[in-house]
Amino acid sequence: MKTQNVLIVIVLMAASGVLTANTVLEERLSTYAKNSGSSFSSQQGKDLWFKEFHDAETGKQRSCTSCHTKDATRGGKHAKTGKAIDPLAPSVNHERFTDAKKIEKWFKRNCKWVMGRECSDQEKGNFLSYLRSL
């Protein structure tokens, strides 16, 4: 009986984490849609994931895949520091997209690093739609 109760608690905890991630993700998508006045395309998000941008400082090309690899369901490694990066796809990493402030922090940092500018709300929505589809 005790083991069964522990299993129920574990299942409920896991489910609540997924619900939290889905809730925050949906809230972000709703906000981006309101701000951009448009719907989102997971295909355009995928295109953005693979698109290479020229870094004027180093002369090298950068993309999201530079650190996160071509498969967002797998971990990556930061191109500059070598630090391990957990998978981005919420289907395999239920802790992703559970905090709106962190989402905005990482969009700001990573868009500037990869693209040389901040992402638009349309790009953010497309990108999250792509990751959600994996």
Protein backbone atom coordinates (compact mmCIF):
# COMPACT_ATOMS: atom_id res chain seq x y z
CA MET A 1 0.00 0.00 0.00
CA LYS A 2 2.81 2.41 0.88
CA THR A 3 4.57 1.80 -2.46
CA GLN A 4 1.33 2.41 -4.33
CA ASN A 5 0.88 5.80 -2.59
CA VAL A 6 4.44 6.81 -3.46
CA LEU A 7 3.85 5.90 -7.09
CA ILE A 8 0.65 7.94 -7.17
CA VAL A 9 2.48 10.95 -5.75
CA ILE A 10 5.28 10.57 -8.31
CA VAL A 11 2.80 10.35 -11.19
CA LEU A 12 0.89 13.40 -9.94
CA MET A 13 4.11 15.39 -9.51
CA ALA A 14 5.22 14.51 -13.03
CA ALA A 15 1.83 15.40 -14.45
CA SER A 16 1.77 18.75 -12.66
CA GLY A 17 5.18 19.59 -14.11
CA VAL A 18 3.90 18.88 -17.59
CA LEU A 19 0.78 20.94 -16.98
CA THR A 20 2.88 23.83 -15.67
CA ALA A 21 5.12 23.71 -18.74
CA ASN A 22 2.12 23.57 -21.05
CA THR A 23 0.39 26.41 -19.21
CA VAL A 24 3.42 28.72 -19.34
CA LEU A 25 4.14 27.80 -22.95
CA GLU A 26 0.54 28.50 -23.98
CA GLU A 27 0.59 31.81 -22.08
CA ARG A 28 3.78 32.87 -23.90
CA LEU A 29 2.34 31.88 -27.27
CA SER A 30 -0.85 33.81 -26.50
CA THR A 31 1.15 36.90 -25.55
CA TYR A 32 3.32 36.68 -28.67
CA ALA A 33 0.23 36.24 -30.87
CA LYS A 34 -1.43 39.26 -29.30
CA ASN A 35 1.72 41.37 -29.75
CA SER A 36 2.42 40.23 -33.30
CA GLY A 37 -1.19 40.11 -34.47
CA SER A 38 -0.50 36.85 -36.24
CA SER A 39 -0.64 33.08 -35.90
CA PHE A 40 2.46 30.92 -35.81
CA SER A 41 4.09 28.40 -38.07
CA SER A 42 6.09 25.48 -36.71
CA GLN A 43 7.71 25.21 -40.18
CA GLN A 44 8.96 28.80 -39.93
CA GLY A 45 10.20 27.99 -36.42
CA LYS A 46 12.07 24.99 -37.82
CA ASP A 47 13.54 27.16 -40.57
CA LEU A 48 14.71 29.62 -37.92
CA TRP A 49 16.24 26.74 -35.90
CA PHE A 50 18.47 25.79 -38.83
CA LYS A 51 19.08 29.24 -40.35
CA GLU A 52 22.66 30.44 -40.21
CA PHE A 53 23.52 34.02 -39.33
CA HIS A 54 26.85 35.72 -39.94
CA ASP A 55 28.71 36.86 -36.81
CA ALA A 56 30.48 40.09 -37.75
CA GLU A 57 32.91 39.77 -34.81
CA THR A 58 34.26 36.33 -35.61
CA GLY A 59 33.31 36.03 -39.27
CA LYS A 60 31.71 32.66 -38.48
CA GLN A 61 28.20 31.41 -39.10
CA ARG A 62 25.91 30.73 -36.13
CA SER A 63 22.58 29.01 -35.77
CA CYS A 64 20.55 27.54 -32.94
CA THR A 65 22.09 24.21 -33.91
CA SER A 66 25.57 25.57 -33.14
CA CYS A 67 24.90 24.78 -29.48
CA HIS A 68 21.67 22.80 -29.37
CA THR A 69 22.48 20.40 -32.25
CA LYS A 70 20.13 19.65 -35.13
CA ASP A 71 17.90 17.56 -32.85
CA ALA A 72 16.20 19.65 -30.14
CA THR A 73 15.16 16.46 -28.36
CA ARG A 74 18.81 15.83 -27.49
CA GLY A 75 21.24 17.74 -25.34
CA GLY A 76 23.84 20.07 -26.76
CA LYS A 77 26.97 21.92 -25.77
CA HIS A 78 27.61 25.66 -25.79
CA ALA A 79 29.86 26.46 -28.75
CA LYS A 80 31.98 28.95 -26.81
CA THR A 81 32.09 27.61 -23.23
CA GLY A 82 31.54 23.89 -23.80
CA LYS A 83 28.87 23.83 -21.07
CA ALA A 84 26.30 21.04 -21.44
CA ILE A 85 22.82 22.14 -22.49
CA ASP A 86 19.72 20.08 -21.73
CA PRO A 87 17.30 19.32 -24.59
CA LEU A 88 14.97 22.17 -25.55
CA ALA A 89 11.99 20.12 -26.68
CA PRO A 90 9.39 20.09 -23.89
CA SER A 91 8.39 16.56 -24.94
CA VAL A 92 11.64 15.22 -23.47
CA ASN A 93 12.52 17.96 -21.00
CA HIS A 94 9.45 18.81 -18.91
CA GLU A 95 11.32 21.56 -17.08
CA ARG A 96 11.68 23.64 -20.23
CA PHE A 97 9.31 26.55 -20.60
CA THR A 98 7.98 26.45 -17.04
CA ASP A 99 9.11 29.98 -16.17
CA ALA A 100 8.12 32.96 -18.33
CA LYS A 101 10.98 35.13 -17.05
CA LYS A 102 13.53 32.47 -18.00
CA ILE A 103 11.97 32.10 -21.42
CA GLU A 104 12.38 35.82 -22.04
CA LYS A 105 15.91 35.85 -20.58
CA TRP A 106 17.10 33.07 -22.86
CA PHE A 107 15.35 34.44 -25.93
CA LYS A 108 17.04 37.79 -25.38
CA ARG A 109 20.48 36.28 -24.79
CA ASN A 110 20.38 33.61 -27.48
CA CYS A 111 18.76 35.70 -30.20
CA LYS A 112 21.42 38.36 -29.72
CA TRP A 113 24.19 35.75 -29.77
CA VAL A 114 22.90 33.89 -32.84
CA MET A 115 21.11 36.57 -34.85
CA GLY A 116 22.85 39.69 -33.60
CA ARG A 117 19.53 41.15 -32.47
CA GLU A 118 16.51 40.36 -30.33
CA CYS A 119 13.88 38.04 -31.76
CA SER A 120 10.49 39.45 -32.70
CA ASP A 121 7.37 38.10 -31.03
CA GLN A 122 6.52 36.43 -34.35
CA GLU A 123 9.88 34.62 -34.37
CA LYS A 124 9.50 33.60 -30.73
CA GLY A 125 6.03 32.19 -31.42
CA ASN A 126 7.20 30.31 -34.51
CA PHE A 127 10.17 28.95 -32.61
CA LEU A 128 8.11 27.75 -29.63
CA SER A 129 5.54 26.25 -32.01
CA TYR A 130 8.32 24.23 -33.64
CA LEU A 131 9.72 23.01 -30.33
CA ARG A 132 6.24 22.12 -29.09
CA SER A 133 5.68 20.02 -32.23
CA LEU A 134 8.65 17.73 -31.52
